[in-house]
């Protein structure tokens, strides 16, 4: 299965910020971070169901070698995966959870 991968602007900013931080720590480390993130994104795109559902409808894929998790939603009806956050695991989980779309679990009341 190959899904269309959509990275929200916030997720792209997560990657850019982490890249800069790692590159400032050691030249080339930022590029290694990007390679690991890309590998994880390809895994999500090819086999999204291997990544566990960790919060409501949201799945998590861990990035190899770096303490980051990618949080995404699989939208089967549209054949796509939406990436909400590429998140450093030491941060408060509320940060990535706040990016998720609001969903109503209550049935609609039609007149």
PDB file of N, CA and C in Angstrom:
ATOM      1  N   UNK A   1       0.849  -1.175   0.000  1.00  0.00           N
ATOM      2  CA  UNK A   1       0.000   0.000   0.000  1.00  0.00           C
ATOM      3  C   UNK A   1       0.895   1.239   0.000  1.00  0.00           C
ATOM      4  N   UNK A   2       0.645   2.142  -0.906  1.00  0.00           N
ATOM      5  CA  UNK A   2       1.377   3.405  -0.921  1.00  0.00           C
ATOM      6  C   UNK A   2       0.374   4.530  -0.741  1.00  0.00           C
ATOM      7  N   UNK A   3       0.537   5.225   0.343  1.00  0.00           N
ATOM      8  CA  UNK A   3      -0.350   6.333   0.672  1.00  0.00           C
ATOM      9  C   UNK A   3       0.294   7.643   0.240  1.00  0.00           C
ATOM     10  N   UNK A   4      -0.543   8.635  -0.050  1.00  0.00           N
ATOM     11  CA  UNK A   4      -0.056   9.985  -0.266  1.00  0.00           C
ATOM     12  C   UNK A   4       0.294  10.545   1.103  1.00  0.00           C
ATOM     13  N   UNK A   5       1.439  11.154   1.218  1.00  0.00           N
ATOM     14  CA  UNK A   5       1.907  11.692   2.488  1.00  0.00           C
ATOM     15  C   UNK A   5       1.753  13.209   2.478  1.00  0.00           C
ATOM     16  N   UNK A   6       1.041  13.741   3.470  1.00  0.00           N
ATOM     17  CA  UNK A   6       0.829  15.177   3.616  1.00  0.00           C
ATOM     18  C   UNK A   6       1.505  15.609   4.916  1.00  0.00           C
ATOM     19  N   UNK A   7       2.506  16.480   4.820  1.00  0.00           N
ATOM     20  CA  UNK A   7       3.131  17.048   6.019  1.00  0.00           C
ATOM     21  C   UNK A   7       2.547  18.436   6.242  1.00  0.00           C
ATOM     22  N   UNK A   8       1.907  18.618   7.395  1.00  0.00           N
ATOM     23  CA  UNK A   8       1.378  19.932   7.723  1.00  0.00           C
ATOM     24  C   UNK A   8       2.529  20.910   7.945  1.00  0.00           C
ATOM     25  N   UNK A   9       2.287  22.207   7.764  1.00  0.00           N
ATOM     26  CA  UNK A   9       3.357  23.201   7.932  1.00  0.00           C
ATOM     27  C   UNK A   9       4.060  23.103   9.290  1.00  0.00           C
ATOM     28  N   UNK A  10       3.310  22.782  10.329  1.00  0.00           N
ATOM     29  CA  UNK A  10       3.915  22.662  11.663  1.00  0.00           C
ATOM     30  C   UNK A  10       4.912  21.510  11.709  1.00  0.00           C
ATOM     31  N   UNK A  11       4.590  20.401  11.043  1.00  0.00           N
ATOM     32  CA  UNK A  11       5.493  19.249  11.001  1.00  0.00           C
ATOM     33  C   UNK A  11       6.763  19.595  10.215  1.00  0.00           C
ATOM     34  N   UNK A  12       6.599  20.339   9.129  1.00  0.00           N
ATOM     35  CA  UNK A  12       7.768  20.774   8.362  1.00  0.00           C
ATOM     36  C   UNK A  12       8.660  21.686   9.204  1.00  0.00           C
ATOM     37  N   UNK A  13       8.030  22.559   9.992  1.00  0.00           N
ATOM     38  CA  UNK A  13       8.796  23.441  10.879  1.00  0.00           C
ATOM     39  C   UNK A  13       9.521  22.629  11.949  1.00  0.00           C
ATOM     40  N   UNK A  14       8.886  21.571  12.460  1.00  0.00           N
ATOM     41  CA  UNK A  14       9.542  20.691  13.434  1.00  0.00           C
ATOM     42  C   UNK A  14      10.840  20.143  12.862  1.00  0.00           C
ATOM     43  N   UNK A  15      10.775  19.665  11.634  1.00  0.00           N
ATOM     44  CA  UNK A  15      11.956  19.082  10.985  1.00  0.00           C
ATOM     45  C   UNK A  15      13.034  20.137  10.776  1.00  0.00           C
ATOM     46  N   UNK A  16      12.651  21.298  10.294  1.00  0.00           N
ATOM     47  CA  UNK A  16      13.625  22.366  10.035  1.00  0.00           C
ATOM     48  C   UNK A  16      14.320  22.801  11.320  1.00  0.00           C
ATOM     49  N   UNK A  17      13.564  22.940  12.400  1.00  0.00           N
ATOM     50  CA  UNK A  17      14.155  23.346  13.674  1.00  0.00           C
ATOM     51  C   UNK A  17      15.110  22.293  14.212  1.00  0.00           C
ATOM     52  N   UNK A  18      14.701  21.042  14.135  1.00  0.00           N
ATOM     53  CA  UNK A  18      15.569  19.962  14.620  1.00  0.00           C
ATOM     54  C   UNK A  18      16.819  19.840  13.753  1.00  0.00           C
ATOM     55  N   UNK A  19      16.655  19.977  12.444  1.00  0.00           N
ATOM     56  CA  UNK A  19      17.818  19.927  11.542  1.00  0.00           C
ATOM     57  C   UNK A  19      18.837  20.989  11.946  1.00  0.00           C
ATOM     58  N   UNK A  20      18.376  22.214  12.135  1.00  0.00           N
ATOM     59  CA  UNK A  20      19.293  23.297  12.505  1.00  0.00           C
ATOM     60  C   UNK A  20      19.991  23.009  13.836  1.00  0.00           C
ATOM     61  N   UNK A  21      19.240  22.508  14.796  1.00  0.00           N
ATOM     62  CA  UNK A  21      19.821  22.223  16.100  1.00  0.00           C
ATOM     63  C   UNK A  21      20.900  21.152  15.987  1.00  0.00           C
ATOM     64  N   UNK A  22      20.591  20.042  15.289  1.00  0.00           N
ATOM     65  CA  UNK A  22      21.574  18.962  15.143  1.00  0.00           C
ATOM     66  C   UNK A  22      22.777  19.406  14.325  1.00  0.00           C
ATOM     67  N   UNK A  23      22.551  20.199  13.311  1.00  0.00           N
ATOM     68  CA  UNK A  23      23.665  20.673  12.472  1.00  0.00           C
ATOM     69  C   UNK A  23      24.576  21.595  13.279  1.00  0.00           C
ATOM     70  N   UNK A  24      24.001  22.374  14.198  1.00  0.00           N
ATOM     71  CA  UNK A  24      24.823  23.229  15.068  1.00  0.00           C
ATOM     72  C   UNK A  24      25.636  22.417  16.073  1.00  0.00           C
ATOM     73  N   UNK A  25      25.141  21.245  16.421  1.00  0.00           N
ATOM     74  CA  UNK A  25      25.865  20.384  17.361  1.00  0.00           C
ATOM     75  C   UNK A  25      27.082  19.745  16.698  1.00  0.00           C
ATOM     76  N   UNK A  26      26.896  19.293  15.462  1.00  0.00           N
ATOM     77  CA  UNK A  26      27.974  18.629  14.731  1.00  0.00           C
ATOM     78  C   UNK A  26      27.638  18.650  13.241  1.00  0.00           C
ATOM     79  N   UNK A  27      28.546  19.182  12.453  1.00  0.00           N
ATOM     80  CA  UNK A  27      28.315  19.273  11.012  1.00  0.00           C
ATOM     81  C   UNK A  27      28.048  17.880  10.446  1.00  0.00           C
ATOM     82  N   UNK A  28      26.972  17.751   9.711  1.00  0.00           N
ATOM     83  CA  UNK A  28      26.578  16.480   9.111  1.00  0.00           C
ATOM     84  C   UNK A  28      25.517  15.744   9.916  1.00  0.00           C
ATOM     85  N   UNK A  29      25.399  16.056  11.208  1.00  0.00           N
ATOM     86  CA  UNK A  29      24.409  15.381  12.044  1.00  0.00           C
ATOM     87  C   UNK A  29      22.987  15.775  11.625  1.00  0.00           C
ATOM     88  N   UNK A  30      22.808  17.004  11.207  1.00  0.00           N
ATOM     89  CA  UNK A  30      21.500  17.434  10.717  1.00  0.00           C
ATOM     90  C   UNK A  30      21.079  16.641   9.493  1.00  0.00           C
ATOM     91  N   UNK A  31      22.016  16.382   8.587  1.00  0.00           N
ATOM     92  CA  UNK A  31      21.704  15.585   7.396  1.00  0.00           C
ATOM     93  C   UNK A  31      21.364  14.146   7.770  1.00  0.00           C
ATOM     94  N   UNK A  32      22.050  13.591   8.754  1.00  0.00           N
ATOM     95  CA  UNK A  32      21.748  12.237   9.216  1.00  0.00           C
ATOM     96  C   UNK A  32      20.333  12.204   9.822  1.00  0.00           C
ATOM     97  N   UNK A  33      19.986  13.243  10.572  1.00  0.00           N
ATOM     98  CA  UNK A  33      18.628  13.353  11.108  1.00  0.00           C
ATOM     99  C   UNK A  33      17.613  13.352   9.971  1.00  0.00           C
ATOM    100  N   UNK A  34      17.849  14.156   8.930  1.00  0.00           N
ATOM    101  CA  UNK A  34      16.916  14.206   7.798  1.00  0.00           C
ATOM    102  C   UNK A  34      16.786  12.848   7.117  1.00  0.00           C
ATOM    103  N   UNK A  35      17.892  12.119   6.970  1.00  0.00           N
ATOM    104  CA  UNK A  35      17.836  10.785   6.354  1.00  0.00           C
ATOM    105  C   UNK A  35      16.981   9.834   7.190  1.00  0.00           C
ATOM    106  N   UNK A  36      17.137   9.891   8.498  1.00  0.00           N
ATOM    107  CA  UNK A  36      16.358   9.016   9.373  1.00  0.00           C
ATOM    108  C   UNK A  36      14.876   9.376   9.344  1.00  0.00           C
ATOM    109  N   UNK A  37      14.565  10.662   9.316  1.00  0.00           N
ATOM    110  CA  UNK A  37      13.170  11.089   9.223  1.00  0.00           C
ATOM    111  C   UNK A  37      12.581  10.634   7.891  1.00  0.00           C
ATOM    112  N   UNK A  38      13.335  10.800   6.811  1.00  0.00           N
ATOM    113  CA  UNK A  38      12.854  10.387   5.492  1.00  0.00           C
ATOM    114  C   UNK A  38      12.577   8.887   5.454  1.00  0.00           C
ATOM    115  N   UNK A  39      13.452   8.087   6.040  1.00  0.00           N
ATOM    116  CA  UNK A  39      13.247   6.639   6.094  1.00  0.00           C
ATOM    117  C   UNK A  39      11.962   6.300   6.844  1.00  0.00           C
ATOM    118  N   UNK A  40      11.725   6.997   7.945  1.00  0.00           N
ATOM    119  CA  UNK A  40      10.509   6.761   8.726  1.00  0.00           C
ATOM    120  C   UNK A  40       9.273   7.189   7.950  1.00  0.00           C
ATOM    121  N   UNK A  41       9.344   8.312   7.257  1.00  0.00           N
ATOM    122  CA  UNK A  41       8.210   8.765   6.438  1.00  0.00           C
ATOM    123  C   UNK A  41       7.908   7.773   5.321  1.00  0.00           C
ATOM    124  N   UNK A  42       8.930   7.193   4.730  1.00  0.00           N
ATOM    125  CA  UNK A  42       8.710   6.170   3.693  1.00  0.00           C
ATOM    126  C   UNK A  42       8.034   4.941   4.279  1.00  0.00           C
ATOM    127  N   UNK A  43       8.405   4.573   5.494  1.00  0.00           N
ATOM    128  CA  UNK A  43       7.760   3.453   6.172  1.00  0.00           C
ATOM    129  C   UNK A  43       6.280   3.746   6.409  1.00  0.00           C
ATOM    130  N   UNK A  44       5.983   4.960   6.836  1.00  0.00           N
ATOM    131  CA  UNK A  44       4.589   5.368   7.039  1.00  0.00           C
ATOM    132  C   UNK A  44       3.824   5.291   5.727  1.00  0.00           C
ATOM    133  N   UNK A  45       4.433   5.773   4.679  1.00  0.00           N
ATOM    134  CA  UNK A  45       3.778   5.812   3.373  1.00  0.00           C
ATOM    135  C   UNK A  45       3.514   4.401   2.845  1.00  0.00           C
ATOM    136  N   UNK A  46       4.459   3.503   3.026  1.00  0.00           N
ATOM    137  CA  UNK A  46       4.335   2.151   2.469  1.00  0.00           C
ATOM    138  C   UNK A  46       3.501   1.218   3.344  1.00  0.00           C
ATOM    139  N   UNK A  47       3.697   1.297   4.648  1.00  0.00           N
ATOM    140  CA  UNK A  47       3.044   0.352   5.561  1.00  0.00           C
ATOM    141  C   UNK A  47       2.534   1.078   6.805  1.00  0.00           C
ATOM    142  N   UNK A  48       1.525   1.916   6.658  1.00  0.00           N
ATOM    143  CA  UNK A  48       1.069   2.729   7.793  1.00  0.00           C
ATOM    144  C   UNK A  48       0.514   1.909   8.955  1.00  0.00           C
ATOM    145  N   UNK A  49      -0.032   0.721   8.685  1.00  0.00           N
ATOM    146  CA  UNK A  49      -0.659  -0.057   9.747  1.00  0.00           C
ATOM    147  C   UNK A  49       0.339  -0.710  10.703  1.00  0.00           C
ATOM    148  N   UNK A  50       1.620  -0.739  10.364  1.00  0.00           N
ATOM    149  CA  UNK A  50       2.579  -1.331  11.302  1.00  0.00           C
ATOM    150  C   UNK A  50       2.872  -0.396  12.472  1.00  0.00           C
ATOM    151  N   UNK A  51       2.485   0.849  12.340  1.00  0.00           N
ATOM    152  CA  UNK A  51       2.722   1.829  13.396  1.00  0.00           C
ATOM    153  C   UNK A  51       1.480   1.890  14.292  1.00  0.00           C
ATOM    154  N   UNK A  52       1.671   1.813  15.602  1.00  0.00           N
ATOM    155  CA  UNK A  52       0.529   1.695  16.503  1.00  0.00           C
ATOM    156  C   UNK A  52      -0.295   2.975  16.628  1.00  0.00           C
ATOM    157  N   UNK A  53      -1.559   2.765  16.879  1.00  0.00           N
ATOM    158  CA  UNK A  53      -2.466   3.860  17.206  1.00  0.00           C
ATOM    159  C   UNK A  53      -2.215   4.172  18.685  1.00  0.00           C
ATOM    160  N   UNK A  54      -1.849   5.412  18.990  1.00  0.00           N
ATOM    161  CA  UNK A  54      -1.456   5.760  20.354  1.00  0.00           C
ATOM    162  C   UNK A  54      -2.373   6.778  21.025  1.00  0.00           C
ATOM    163  N   UNK A  55      -3.190   7.447  20.243  1.00  0.00           N
ATOM    164  CA  UNK A  55      -4.057   8.470  20.811  1.00  0.00           C
ATOM    165  C   UNK A  55      -5.217   8.686  19.854  1.00  0.00           C
ATOM    166  N   UNK A  56      -6.407   8.299  20.286  1.00  0.00           N
ATOM    167  CA  UNK A  56      -7.597   8.413  19.457  1.00  0.00           C
ATOM    168  C   UNK A  56      -7.331   7.813  18.076  1.00  0.00           C
ATOM    169  N   UNK A  57      -7.304   8.612  17.046  1.00  0.00           N
ATOM    170  CA  UNK A  57      -7.113   8.160  15.668  1.00  0.00           C
ATOM    171  C   UNK A  57      -5.664   8.312  15.207  1.00  0.00           C
ATOM    172  N   UNK A  58      -4.793   8.750  16.088  1.00  0.00           N
ATOM    173  CA  UNK A  58      -3.429   9.121  15.708  1.00  0.00           C
ATOM    174  C   UNK A  58      -2.456   7.951  15.914  1.00  0.00           C
ATOM    175  N   UNK A  59      -1.602   7.755  14.934  1.00  0.00           N
ATOM    176  CA  UNK A  59      -0.570   6.713  14.991  1.00  0.00           C
ATOM    177  C   UNK A  59       0.791   7.353  15.226  1.00  0.00           C
ATOM    178  N   UNK A  60       1.736   6.518  15.704  1.00  0.00           N
ATOM    179  CA  UNK A  60       3.074   7.015  16.015  1.00  0.00           C
ATOM    180  C   UNK A  60       4.122   6.113  15.360  1.00  0.00           C
ATOM    181  N   UNK A  61       5.078   6.756  14.707  1.00  0.00           N
ATOM    182  CA  UNK A  61       6.237   6.047  14.159  1.00  0.00           C
ATOM    183  C   UNK A  61       7.486   6.652  14.805  1.00  0.00           C
ATOM    184  N   UNK A  62       8.354   5.793  15.314  1.00  0.00           N
ATOM    185  CA  UNK A  62       9.576   6.273  15.956  1.00  0.00           C
ATOM    186  C   UNK A  62      10.694   6.416  14.924  1.00  0.00           C
ATOM    187  N   UNK A  63      11.478   7.468  15.076  1.00  0.00           N
ATOM    188  CA  UNK A  63      12.593   7.749  14.178  1.00  0.00           C
ATOM    189  C   UNK A  63      13.834   7.036  14.731  1.00  0.00           C
ATOM    190  N   UNK A  64      14.477   6.264  13.891  1.00  0.00           N
ATOM    191  CA  UNK A  64      15.678   5.529  14.286  1.00  0.00           C
ATOM    192  C   UNK A  64      16.811   6.507  14.622  1.00  0.00           C
ATOM    193  N   UNK A  65      17.576   6.187  15.673  1.00  0.00           N
ATOM    194  CA  UNK A  65      18.767   6.922  16.103  1.00  0.00           C
ATOM    195  C   UNK A  65      18.499   8.268  16.779  1.00  0.00           C
ATOM    196  N   UNK A  66      17.322   8.813  16.657  1.00  0.00           N
ATOM    197  CA  UNK A  66      17.028  10.135  17.212  1.00  0.00           C
ATOM    198  C   UNK A  66      15.774  10.041  18.084  1.00  0.00           C
ATOM    199  N   UNK A  67      15.704  10.822  19.157  1.00  0.00           N
ATOM    200  CA  UNK A  67      14.554  10.728  20.071  1.00  0.00           C
ATOM    201  C   UNK A  67      13.332  11.496  19.561  1.00  0.00           C
ATOM    202  N   UNK A  68      12.872  11.110  18.392  1.00  0.00           N
ATOM    203  CA  UNK A  68      11.732  11.768  17.755  1.00  0.00           C
ATOM    204  C   UNK A  68      10.677  10.742  17.391  1.00  0.00           C
ATOM    205  N   UNK A  69       9.435  11.191  17.430  1.00  0.00           N
ATOM    206  CA  UNK A  69       8.302  10.385  16.994  1.00  0.00           C
ATOM    207  C   UNK A  69       7.525  11.199  15.969  1.00  0.00           C
ATOM    208  N   UNK A  70       6.985  10.499  14.992  1.00  0.00           N
ATOM    209  CA  UNK A  70       6.156  11.137  13.970  1.00  0.00           C
ATOM    210  C   UNK A  70       4.717  10.715  14.234  1.00  0.00           C
ATOM    211  N   UNK A  71       3.858  11.705  14.445  1.00  0.00           N
ATOM    212  CA  UNK A  71       2.449  11.449  14.720  1.00  0.00           C
ATOM    213  C   UNK A  71       1.646  11.757  13.464  1.00  0.00           C
ATOM    214  N   UNK A  72       0.837  10.773  13.059  1.00  0.00           N
ATOM    215  CA  UNK A  72       0.107  10.907  11.802  1.00  0.00           C
ATOM    216  C   UNK A  72      -1.247  10.223  11.892  1.00  0.00           C
ATOM    217  N   UNK A  73      -2.100  10.586  10.959  1.00  0.00           N
ATOM    218  CA  UNK A  73      -3.421   9.989  10.831  1.00  0.00           C
ATOM    219  C   UNK A  73      -3.515   9.340   9.459  1.00  0.00           C
ATOM    220  N   UNK A  74      -4.046   8.147   9.435  1.00  0.00           N
ATOM    221  CA  UNK A  74      -4.290   7.449   8.184  1.00  0.00           C
ATOM    222  C   UNK A  74      -5.730   7.724   7.772  1.00  0.00           C
ATOM    223  N   UNK A  75      -5.891   8.354   6.627  1.00  0.00           N
ATOM    224  CA  UNK A  75      -7.226   8.633   6.082  1.00  0.00           C
ATOM    225  C   UNK A  75      -7.451   7.688   4.909  1.00  0.00           C
ATOM    226  N   UNK A  76      -7.973   6.506   5.227  1.00  0.00           N
ATOM    227  CA  UNK A  76      -8.116   5.462   4.214  1.00  0.00           C
ATOM    228  C   UNK A  76      -9.050   5.861   3.085  1.00  0.00           C
ATOM    229  N   UNK A  77     -10.118   6.576   3.421  1.00  0.00           N
ATOM    230  CA  UNK A  77     -11.085   6.961   2.392  1.00  0.00           C
ATOM    231  C   UNK A  77     -10.466   7.888   1.348  1.00  0.00           C
ATOM    232  N   UNK A  78      -9.406   8.619   1.730  1.00  0.00           N
ATOM    233  CA  UNK A  78      -8.739   9.517   0.794  1.00  0.00           C
ATOM    234  C   UNK A  78      -7.364   8.989   0.382  1.00  0.00           C
ATOM    235  N   UNK A  79      -7.015   7.795   0.870  1.00  0.00           N
ATOM    236  CA  UNK A  79      -5.752   7.148   0.520  1.00  0.00           C
ATOM    237  C   UNK A  79      -4.549   8.048   0.822  1.00  0.00           C
ATOM    238  N   UNK A  80      -4.545   8.601   2.061  1.00  0.00           N
ATOM    239  CA  UNK A  80      -3.439   9.479   2.429  1.00  0.00           C
ATOM    240  C   UNK A  80      -3.133   9.382   3.919  1.00  0.00           C
ATOM    241  N   UNK A  81      -1.930   9.810   4.258  1.00  0.00           N
ATOM    242  CA  UNK A  81      -1.494   9.938   5.645  1.00  0.00           C
ATOM    243  C   UNK A  81      -1.178  11.409   5.882  1.00  0.00           C
ATOM    244  N   UNK A  82      -1.723  11.952   6.961  1.00  0.00           N
ATOM    245  CA  UNK A  82      -1.485  13.345   7.320  1.00  0.00           C
ATOM    246  C   UNK A  82      -0.559  13.357   8.531  1.00  0.00           C
ATOM    247  N   UNK A  83       0.612  13.977   8.376  1.00  0.00           N
ATOM    248  CA  UNK A  83       1.590  14.072   9.459  1.00  0.00           C
ATOM    249  C   UNK A  83       1.334  15.379  10.206  1.00  0.00           C
ATOM    250  N   UNK A  84       1.024  15.245  11.505  1.00  0.00           N
ATOM    251  CA  UNK A  84       0.716  16.405  12.333  1.00  0.00           C
ATOM    252  C   UNK A  84       1.941  16.946  13.052  1.00  0.00           C
ATOM    253  N   UNK A  85       2.859  16.051  13.425  1.00  0.00           N
ATOM    254  CA  UNK A  85       3.987  16.499  14.235  1.00  0.00           C
ATOM    255  C   UNK A  85       5.165  15.550  14.077  1.00  0.00           C
ATOM    256  N   UNK A  86       6.350  16.126  14.059  1.00  0.00           N
ATOM    257  CA  UNK A  86       7.598  15.374  14.160  1.00  0.00           C
ATOM    258  C   UNK A  86       8.215  15.897  15.447  1.00  0.00           C
ATOM    259  N   UNK A  87       8.065  15.106  16.492  1.00  0.00           N
ATOM    260  CA  UNK A  87       8.077  15.565  17.864  1.00  0.00           C
ATOM    261  C   UNK A  87       9.246  14.990  18.657  1.00  0.00           C
ATOM    262  N   UNK A  88      10.017  15.869  19.321  1.00  0.00           N
ATOM    263  CA  UNK A  88      11.073  15.400  20.225  1.00  0.00           C
ATOM    264  C   UNK A  88      10.398  14.788  21.445  1.00  0.00           C
ATOM    265  N   UNK A  89      10.770  13.580  21.787  1.00  0.00           N
ATOM    266  CA  UNK A  89      10.067  12.807  22.816  1.00  0.00           C
ATOM    267  C   UNK A  89      10.190  13.363  24.235  1.00  0.00           C
ATOM    268  N   UNK A  90      11.081  14.329  24.457  1.00  0.00           N
ATOM    269  CA  UNK A  90      11.206  14.895  25.804  1.00  0.00           C
ATOM    270  C   UNK A  90      10.197  16.019  26.059  1.00  0.00           C
ATOM    271  N   UNK A  91       9.474  16.423  25.034  1.00  0.00           N
ATOM    272  CA  UNK A  91       8.522  17.526  25.181  1.00  0.00           C
ATOM    273  C   UNK A  91       7.201  17.041  25.776  1.00  0.00           C
ATOM    274  N   UNK A  92       6.418  17.979  26.226  1.00  0.00           N
ATOM    275  CA  UNK A  92       5.094  17.688  26.754  1.00  0.00           C
ATOM    276  C   UNK A  92       4.206  17.169  25.620  1.00  0.00           C
ATOM    277  N   UNK A  93       3.594  15.985  25.780  1.00  0.00           N
ATOM    278  CA  UNK A  93       2.745  15.434  24.711  1.00  0.00           C
ATOM    279  C   UNK A  93       1.577  16.340  24.328  1.00  0.00           C
ATOM    280  N   UNK A  94       1.190  17.224  25.222  1.00  0.00           N
ATOM    281  CA  UNK A  94       0.090  18.133  24.913  1.00  0.00           C
ATOM    282  C   UNK A  94       0.418  18.979  23.678  1.00  0.00           C
ATOM    283  N   UNK A  95       1.704  19.212  23.438  1.00  0.00           N
ATOM    284  CA  UNK A  95       2.110  20.037  22.294  1.00  0.00           C
ATOM    285  C   UNK A  95       1.663  19.404  20.976  1.00  0.00           C
ATOM    286  N   UNK A  96       1.926  18.107  20.773  1.00  0.00           N
ATOM    287  CA  UNK A  96       1.499  17.489  19.516  1.00  0.00           C
ATOM    288  C   UNK A  96       0.009  17.195  19.524  1.00  0.00           C
ATOM    289  N   UNK A  97      -0.555  16.893  20.690  1.00  0.00           N
ATOM    290  CA  UNK A  97      -1.982  16.611  20.758  1.00  0.00           C
ATOM    291  C   UNK A  97      -2.812  17.842  20.402  1.00  0.00           C
ATOM    292  N   UNK A  98      -2.296  19.025  20.712  1.00  0.00           N
ATOM    293  CA  UNK A  98      -3.006  20.260  20.368  1.00  0.00           C
ATOM    294  C   UNK A  98      -3.097  20.480  18.863  1.00  0.00           C
ATOM    295  N   UNK A  99      -2.265  19.816  18.097  1.00  0.00           N
ATOM    296  CA  UNK A  99      -2.290  19.977  16.642  1.00  0.00           C
ATOM    297  C   UNK A  99      -3.358  19.122  15.965  1.00  0.00           C
ATOM    298  N   UNK A 100      -3.907  18.174  16.687  1.00  0.00           N
ATOM    299  CA  UNK A 100      -4.880  17.277  16.086  1.00  0.00           C
ATOM    300  C   UNK A 100      -6.194  18.003  15.834  1.00  0.00           C
ATOM    301  N   UNK A 101      -6.876  17.645  14.743  1.00  0.00           N
ATOM    302  CA  UNK A 101      -8.161  18.292  14.467  1.00  0.00           C
ATOM    303  C   UNK A 101      -9.198  17.891  15.510  1.00  0.00           C
ATOM    304  N   UNK A 102     -10.071  18.819  15.811  1.00  0.00           N
ATOM    305  CA  UNK A 102     -11.151  18.548  16.762  1.00  0.00           C
ATOM    306  C   UNK A 102     -12.176  17.655  16.081  1.00  0.00           C
ATOM    307  N   UNK A 103     -12.627  16.657  16.815  1.00  0.00           N
ATOM    308  CA  UNK A 103     -13.649  15.751  16.293  1.00  0.00           C
ATOM    309  C   UNK A 103     -14.750  15.641  17.317  1.00  0.00           C
ATOM    310  N   UNK A 104     -15.954  15.637  16.843  1.00  0.00           N
ATOM    311  CA  UNK A 104     -17.091  15.489  17.735  1.00  0.00           C
ATOM    312  C   UNK A 104     -17.489  14.025  17.758  1.00  0.00           C
ATOM    313  N   UNK A 105     -17.595  13.464  18.955  1.00  0.00           N
ATOM    314  CA  UNK A 105     -18.027  12.075  19.108  1.00  0.00           C
ATOM    315  C   UNK A 105     -19.529  11.973  19.341  1.00  0.00           C
ATOM    316  N   UNK A 106     -20.182  13.108  19.423  1.00  0.00           N
ATOM    317  CA  UNK A 106     -21.612  13.119  19.680  1.00  0.00           C
ATOM    318  C   UNK A 106     -22.374  13.038  18.360  1.00  0.00           C
ATOM    319  N   UNK A 107     -23.473  12.276  18.349  1.00  0.00           N
ATOM    320  CA  UNK A 107     -24.275  12.202  17.116  1.00  0.00           C
ATOM    321  C   UNK A 107     -24.918  13.550  16.815  1.00  0.00           C
ATOM    322  N   UNK A 108     -25.072  13.833  15.550  1.00  0.00           N
ATOM    323  CA  UNK A 108     -25.687  15.116  15.175  1.00  0.00           C
ATOM    324  C   UNK A 108     -27.165  15.072  15.475  1.00  0.00           C
ATOM    325  N   UNK A 109     -27.695  16.227  15.833  1.00  0.00           N
ATOM    326  CA  UNK A 109     -29.108  16.336  16.141  1.00  0.00           C
ATOM    327  C   UNK A 109     -29.793  17.055  14.997  1.00  0.00           C
ATOM    328  N   UNK A 110     -30.476  16.272  14.180  1.00  0.00           N
ATOM    329  CA  UNK A 110     -31.172  16.858  13.033  1.00  0.00           C
ATOM    330  C   UNK A 110     -32.630  17.077  13.373  1.00  0.00           C
ATOM    331  N   UNK A 111     -33.200  18.162  12.910  1.00  0.00           N
ATOM    332  CA  UNK A 111     -34.609  18.470  13.207  1.00  0.00           C
ATOM    333  C   UNK A 111     -35.501  17.866  12.179  1.00  0.00           C
TER     334      UNK A 111
END
